[in-house]
Structures are given as structure tokens and as C-alpha cells.
Amino acid sequence: MLGVARIGRRHLSYSAPLQAGHNKWSKIQQKKGVNDTKKSTIYQRSSRDIAVAARNGGSADPEKNHTLALVLQKARSQGVPKENIEAALQRAQQRREKGDQSVSFEALAQRSVGIIVECMTDNNNRTSRTIKEVLGQHDAQLTPVGFMFARKGFVEVAVKQTGNQDESTEELINDALTANAEDFNEVSREEQGSANSGLVYEFSCLPEHLKDLTSALGSSTHVQAVLASELRFCPAGDKPADQTDELRAQISDLVDALNECDDTLKVWTTLETS
């Protein structure tokens, strides 16, 4: 009887540590899953950004395409593996050699949100069918919505830290205004998503001034590094009044589905993200 009692106590004493270990392992797995998802999103976005930069800059060679060089720099700072970057560059070069064409689709979703889908394809009919199918599955249809957007250039820079930050920032803004910048804002660490420390500012301009603004900021004594230079489609006019959580979720699902299409490079919407 004594032996049986000891066995029972031994069994009970070991059950709690096993359960605690199981919970700890589950938490580790869950955290790893979240991190893996974040990494996958960054890798996919970088791949698309490389393709867009190669297309817009006219070359898949970063030595000949300054915008592409900046995109590659940002990808590296975000921890994108070298093999992923090289694979994206190779795909971009192959698309150019095959003579793939740029094509854009305009659509209206949920009867209120403008959508522009930028694609690169070797078969316009196939891409058109795919995009139409995805739009139809999410209560959206092709229709002209270009008037709902404004095309703008954006340059993101890391600012040098000085003893008089206010004065140096003011001088930097004057440099940007001289190069036809229209507006600027400070970029948060989470939004920027890179390893760069210190202040980061984003300046906007008309598309035709993007090259000059990028060059001017790059040569400014107050700039540590140019982090990005790109063209974007931004919502034009006032923010719609009916941007509900339900609408945001619906548009998010649509954007995710469009991004899953092989030929999609960028998806722009008039829905404010902040």
C-alpha cells in the first residue's frame, strides 16, 4: 500500500510542470507564428516594391536606377534576406526581357471607395479576367475613378541629430521648399519599420519634381540618408464620412485578394489608413 501511495504522489507532482511547459511552448509557437507572418508581409511588400521601382526607373540595375537602389537599401534595413532580394531583382529583369507591359485597372468598391490596381503582365486578357473576377467577389466593379486620386511624389529621409535640432530641421525644410516640396510630416518608428534611428521625415511634391527633390534632400547637410523616393496615388479631396470598421474590413479583404494575384504590383485605395 505504501508503494502505491508513493506512485500516486509522484504522478501528481509531475502533472503541473508538464502543463506549464505545454503552455509556455504554445505561447512560443504563437509568438513565432505572428513574427513569421510579419516577416512574410515585409518580404512580399519588398518584392513588389522592387518590381515597381524597376518598372518606373526603367532598369533593374540599381547602379542605373536610383529609386531601385533606395528600395533595396530599405529592404536590407528591414532584414529581407539577400536571396529574396536577388530573386526579386531577377524576376524584375526577366519581366523586362520578356517585354511585360504595365497595365492599371480602376474600380469602385462598396459604392464609395476608389481602387487603382497596378499590374505587370505578359497577357492583358488573362490579367483583366483575374482582376475582374476578384473585384466581382468583393462587391466591386471596373469603372473610371482616377478623379478620386492625386498622383504625388514622396521622399523619406533620416535626419542627422544635432545640438540644435529645431534649427537644423528648419534649414532642412527650407532646402526641401527650394526643391518644390509641398508638405512634410514626421514618420513614426512603427510606420517606418526599419532599423534607422533618430528622426525620419517624409516630404511630398508634384510628380515632375520628385527627381529634383530627391537629389536636393540627398545632398543636404542635414540628411543622414535618403530612405525612399516613390510615386503614389493618394486620395483626392476630403475624407469620406462613412469609413466604418465594417467598410475598412471589406476593403482590406479586397486589397489582400488583389495582392494575391500574380501580376499585381500595387493596390491603391481612397480609404484613409490612419
Protein backbone atom coordinates (compact mmCIF):
# COMPACT_ATOMS: atom_id res chain seq x y z
CA MET A 1 0.00 0.00 0.00
CA LEU A 2 2.82 2.34 0.81
CA GLY A 3 4.34 1.81 -2.62
CA VAL A 4 1.04 2.60 -4.33
CA ALA A 5 0.67 5.81 -2.36
CA ARG A 6 4.13 6.96 -3.41
CA ILE A 7 3.40 6.29 -7.04
CA GLY A 8 0.23 8.35 -6.85
CA ARG A 9 2.04 11.32 -5.30
CA ARG A 10 4.78 11.12 -7.89
CA HIS A 11 2.22 11.21 -10.69
CA LEU A 12 0.51 14.31 -9.26
CA SER A 13 3.76 16.15 -8.68
CA TYR A 14 4.77 15.86 -12.33
CA SER A 15 1.48 16.85 -13.95
CA ALA A 16 1.74 20.60 -13.21
CA PRO A 17 5.22 21.13 -14.70
CA LEU A 18 4.17 19.30 -17.85
CA GLN A 19 1.14 21.54 -18.23
CA ALA A 20 3.19 24.69 -17.58
CA GLY A 21 5.73 23.59 -20.14
CA HIS A 22 2.98 22.93 -22.65
CA ASN A 23 1.53 26.43 -22.15
CA LYS A 24 4.96 28.02 -22.49
CA TRP A 25 5.60 26.07 -25.69
CA SER A 26 2.21 27.14 -27.07
CA LYS A 27 2.98 30.78 -26.36
CA ILE A 28 6.37 30.48 -28.06
CA GLN A 29 4.73 28.86 -31.10
CA GLN A 30 2.06 31.56 -31.20
CA LYS A 31 4.64 34.36 -30.98
CA LYS A 32 6.73 32.70 -33.68
CA GLY A 33 3.67 32.45 -35.90
CA VAL A 34 2.97 36.17 -35.54
CA ASN A 35 6.60 37.05 -36.26
CA ASP A 36 6.67 34.76 -39.29
CA THR A 37 3.55 36.42 -40.64
CA LYS A 38 5.08 39.87 -40.20
CA LYS A 39 8.26 38.75 -41.94
CA SER A 40 6.30 37.24 -44.81
CA THR A 41 4.37 40.50 -45.25
CA ILE A 42 7.61 42.53 -45.31
CA TYR A 43 9.22 40.14 -47.79
CA GLN A 44 6.21 40.24 -50.13
CA ARG A 45 5.97 44.03 -49.95
CA SER A 46 9.69 44.40 -50.66
CA SER A 47 9.41 42.10 -53.68
CA ARG A 48 6.59 44.21 -55.10
CA ASP A 49 8.41 47.47 -54.33
CA ILE A 50 11.46 46.18 -56.20
CA ALA A 51 9.30 45.32 -59.21
CA VAL A 52 7.63 48.76 -59.18
CA ALA A 53 10.96 50.59 -58.81
CA ALA A 54 12.49 48.59 -61.68
CA ARG A 55 9.49 49.39 -63.87
CA ASN A 56 9.24 53.09 -63.04
CA GLY A 57 13.00 53.66 -63.08
CA GLY A 58 13.47 51.94 -66.44
CA SER A 59 16.12 49.49 -65.24
CA ALA A 60 16.61 46.51 -62.93
CA ASP A 61 20.19 47.68 -62.31
CA PRO A 62 20.40 49.69 -59.04
CA GLU A 63 23.51 51.48 -60.34
CA LYS A 64 21.40 52.94 -63.14
CA ASN A 65 18.17 53.29 -61.15
CA HIS A 66 18.49 55.44 -58.02
CA THR A 67 14.93 54.71 -56.88
CA LEU A 68 15.57 50.98 -57.07
CA ALA A 69 18.79 51.42 -55.09
CA LEU A 70 16.80 53.10 -52.30
CA VAL A 71 14.22 50.30 -52.31
CA LEU A 72 17.00 47.72 -51.98
CA GLN A 73 18.55 49.71 -49.13
CA LYS A 74 15.23 49.77 -47.28
CA ALA A 75 14.70 46.04 -47.85
CA ARG A 76 18.10 45.26 -46.34
CA SER A 77 17.41 47.51 -43.34
CA GLN A 78 14.18 45.57 -42.74
CA GLY A 79 16.05 42.29 -42.66
CA VAL A 80 14.94 40.91 -46.01
CA PRO A 81 17.31 38.02 -46.84
CA LYS A 82 19.84 38.51 -49.62
CA GLU A 83 18.45 35.58 -51.59
CA ASN A 84 14.95 37.11 -51.53
CA ILE A 85 16.29 40.42 -52.85
CA GLU A 86 18.31 38.74 -55.58
CA ALA A 87 15.29 36.63 -56.62
CA ALA A 88 13.09 39.76 -56.84
CA LEU A 89 15.71 41.53 -58.97
CA GLN A 90 15.97 38.52 -61.25
CA ARG A 91 12.18 38.43 -61.71
CA ALA A 92 12.13 42.14 -62.49
CA GLN A 93 14.86 41.70 -65.10
CA GLN A 94 13.10 38.71 -66.64
CA ARG A 95 9.87 40.70 -66.94
CA ARG A 96 11.71 43.46 -68.77
CA GLU A 97 13.42 40.99 -71.10
CA LYS A 98 10.10 39.30 -71.87
CA GLY A 99 8.59 42.66 -72.71
CA ASP A 100 5.93 42.57 -70.00
CA GLN A 101 3.62 45.58 -70.09
CA SER A 102 2.34 47.85 -67.36
CA VAL A 103 -1.44 48.00 -67.06
CA SER A 104 -3.71 49.64 -64.49
CA PHE A 105 -7.30 48.92 -63.50
CA GLU A 106 -9.69 51.40 -61.90
CA ALA A 107 -12.63 50.21 -59.85
CA LEU A 108 -15.25 51.27 -57.33
CA ALA A 109 -15.73 49.12 -54.23
CA GLN A 110 -18.72 49.14 -51.88
CA ARG A 111 -20.16 52.00 -53.99
CA SER A 112 -17.85 54.52 -52.31
CA VAL A 113 -14.16 53.54 -52.33
CA GLY A 114 -11.93 54.14 -55.33
CA ILE A 115 -9.40 51.43 -56.23
CA ILE A 116 -6.41 51.51 -58.59
CA VAL A 117 -4.57 48.26 -59.28
CA GLU A 118 -1.16 48.50 -60.96
CA CYS A 119 -0.04 45.32 -62.73
CA MET A 120 2.79 43.99 -64.85
CA THR A 121 1.73 41.31 -67.31
CA ASP A 122 2.62 39.37 -70.44
CA ASN A 123 -1.08 38.67 -71.13
CA ASN A 124 -3.53 41.54 -70.73
CA ASN A 125 -6.61 39.37 -71.27
CA ARG A 126 -5.60 36.91 -68.54
CA THR A 127 -4.81 39.67 -66.05
CA SER A 128 -8.03 41.52 -66.86
CA ARG A 129 -10.13 38.39 -66.28
CA THR A 130 -8.39 37.70 -62.97
CA ILE A 131 -8.83 41.23 -61.66
CA LYS A 132 -12.49 41.36 -62.74
CA GLU A 133 -13.17 38.06 -61.01
CA VAL A 134 -11.62 39.24 -57.73
CA LEU A 135 -13.49 42.54 -57.88
CA GLY A 136 -16.80 40.77 -58.53
CA GLN A 137 -16.30 38.59 -55.47
CA HIS A 138 -15.97 41.68 -53.26
CA ASP A 139 -18.84 43.89 -54.45
CA ALA A 140 -16.60 45.98 -56.72
CA GLN A 141 -16.62 46.71 -60.43
CA LEU A 142 -14.39 48.33 -63.04
CA THR A 143 -15.23 51.98 -63.58
CA PRO A 144 -13.21 55.22 -64.01
CA VAL A 145 -12.14 56.54 -60.59
CA GLY A 146 -8.97 58.42 -61.50
CA PHE A 147 -10.61 61.69 -60.45
CA MET A 148 -10.72 60.35 -56.88
CA PHE A 149 -6.91 60.22 -56.71
CA ALA A 150 -3.97 62.61 -56.89
CA ARG A 151 -0.55 61.43 -58.10
CA LYS A 152 2.22 62.64 -55.78
CA GLY A 153 5.91 62.10 -55.17
CA PHE A 154 7.26 61.24 -51.72
CA VAL A 155 10.80 61.33 -50.34
CA GLU A 156 11.63 59.85 -46.94
CA VAL A 157 14.84 60.89 -45.19
CA ALA A 158 16.65 60.12 -41.95
CA VAL A 159 17.72 63.36 -40.28
CA LYS A 160 21.09 63.91 -38.62
CA GLN A 161 20.99 64.52 -34.88
CA THR A 162 22.44 67.90 -33.84
CA GLY A 163 22.74 70.06 -30.76
CA ASN A 164 20.09 72.42 -32.12
CA GLN A 165 17.55 70.11 -33.73
CA ASP A 166 14.91 72.79 -34.27
CA GLU A 167 17.29 74.99 -36.25
CA SER A 168 18.63 72.14 -38.40
CA THR A 169 15.09 70.89 -39.08
CA GLU A 170 14.04 74.36 -40.18
CA GLU A 171 17.02 74.56 -42.55
CA LEU A 172 16.16 71.11 -43.93
CA ILE A 173 12.58 72.20 -44.58
CA ASN A 174 13.89 75.30 -46.40
CA ASP A 175 16.08 73.03 -48.56
CA ALA A 176 13.01 70.97 -49.40
CA LEU A 177 10.85 74.02 -50.19
CA THR A 178 13.53 75.32 -52.52
CA ALA A 179 13.27 72.00 -54.38
CA ASN A 180 9.46 72.38 -54.70
CA ALA A 181 8.34 70.26 -51.76
CA GLU A 182 4.68 70.86 -50.94
CA ASP A 183 4.33 69.32 -47.48
CA PHE A 184 6.11 67.18 -44.89
CA ASN A 185 5.45 65.11 -41.80
CA GLU A 186 7.42 63.13 -39.24
CA VAL A 187 7.32 59.36 -39.75
CA SER A 188 6.87 57.22 -36.64
CA ARG A 189 9.23 54.35 -35.87
CA GLU A 190 6.48 51.73 -36.32
CA GLU A 191 5.33 53.25 -39.60
CA GLN A 192 8.85 53.42 -40.95
CA GLY A 193 9.58 49.84 -39.96
CA SER A 194 13.35 49.89 -40.30
CA ALA A 195 16.46 49.83 -38.15
CA ASN A 196 17.28 53.50 -38.70
CA SER A 197 17.41 55.58 -35.53
CA GLY A 198 16.62 59.23 -34.99
CA LEU A 199 14.16 61.48 -36.78
CA VAL A 200 12.63 60.50 -40.11
CA TYR A 201 10.71 62.98 -42.27
CA GLU A 202 8.64 62.44 -45.36
CA PHE A 203 8.30 65.23 -47.96
CA SER A 204 5.71 65.32 -50.75
CA CYS A 205 5.78 67.05 -54.12
CA LEU A 206 4.30 67.00 -57.60
CA PRO A 207 5.44 64.00 -59.69
CA GLU A 208 7.55 66.15 -62.01
CA HIS A 209 9.59 67.44 -59.04
CA LEU A 210 10.34 64.06 -57.44
CA LYS A 211 13.77 63.62 -59.02
CA ASP A 212 14.95 67.14 -58.10
CA LEU A 213 13.56 66.90 -54.56
CA THR A 214 15.26 63.55 -54.00
CA SER A 215 18.56 64.95 -55.25
CA ALA A 216 18.28 68.12 -53.13
CA LEU A 217 17.50 66.22 -49.93
CA GLY A 218 20.20 63.68 -50.64
CA SER A 219 22.80 66.43 -50.83
CA SER A 220 21.51 68.35 -47.80
CA THR A 221 23.98 68.59 -44.91
CA HIS A 222 21.09 67.85 -42.53
CA VAL A 223 20.18 64.48 -44.05
CA GLN A 224 21.82 61.29 -42.85
CA ALA A 225 20.30 59.16 -45.64
CA VAL A 226 17.50 59.10 -48.21
CA LEU A 227 15.36 56.12 -47.26
CA ALA A 228 12.75 56.14 -50.02
CA SER A 229 11.69 58.01 -53.15
CA GLU A 230 8.50 56.99 -54.93
CA LEU A 231 5.29 57.98 -56.69
CA ARG A 232 1.94 57.20 -55.05
CA PHE A 233 -1.75 57.52 -55.79
CA CYS A 234 -3.27 59.43 -52.86
CA PRO A 235 -6.93 60.14 -52.06
CA ALA A 236 -8.03 63.46 -53.57
CA GLY A 237 -10.47 65.76 -51.83
CA ASP A 238 -12.00 65.45 -48.39
CA LYS A 239 -12.09 62.24 -46.37
CA PRO A 240 -15.41 60.36 -46.85
CA ALA A 241 -17.69 60.48 -43.83
CA ASP A 242 -18.77 56.81 -43.85
CA GLN A 243 -15.48 54.99 -43.22
CA THR A 244 -16.86 52.44 -40.77
CA ASP A 245 -14.99 49.49 -39.30
CA GLU A 246 -17.08 47.19 -41.47
CA LEU A 247 -16.13 49.10 -44.60
CA ARG A 248 -12.45 49.03 -43.65
CA ALA A 249 -12.62 45.26 -43.15
CA GLN A 250 -14.31 44.75 -46.52
CA ILE A 251 -11.74 46.86 -48.37
CA SER A 252 -8.88 45.17 -46.51
CA ASP A 253 -10.15 41.77 -47.68
CA LEU A 254 -10.40 43.07 -51.26
CA VAL A 255 -6.89 44.52 -51.21
CA ASP A 256 -5.49 41.25 -49.83
CA ALA A 257 -7.24 39.29 -52.58
CA LEU A 258 -5.95 41.64 -55.29
CA ASN A 259 -2.41 41.42 -53.92
CA GLU A 260 -2.58 37.63 -54.18
CA CYS A 261 -2.89 37.94 -57.97
CA ASP A 262 0.45 37.08 -59.57
CA ASP A 263 0.50 40.15 -61.83
CA THR A 264 -0.37 42.73 -59.16
CA LEU A 265 2.33 45.24 -58.19
CA LYS A 266 0.46 47.85 -56.16
CA VAL A 267 -3.08 48.44 -54.92
CA TRP A 268 -4.17 51.98 -54.03
CA THR A 269 -7.44 52.99 -52.38
CA THR A 270 -9.16 56.20 -51.34
CA LEU A 271 -9.74 54.75 -47.90
CA GLU A 272 -7.72 56.57 -45.26
CA THR A 273 -5.45 54.17 -43.38
CA SER A 274 -4.99 56.24 -40.24
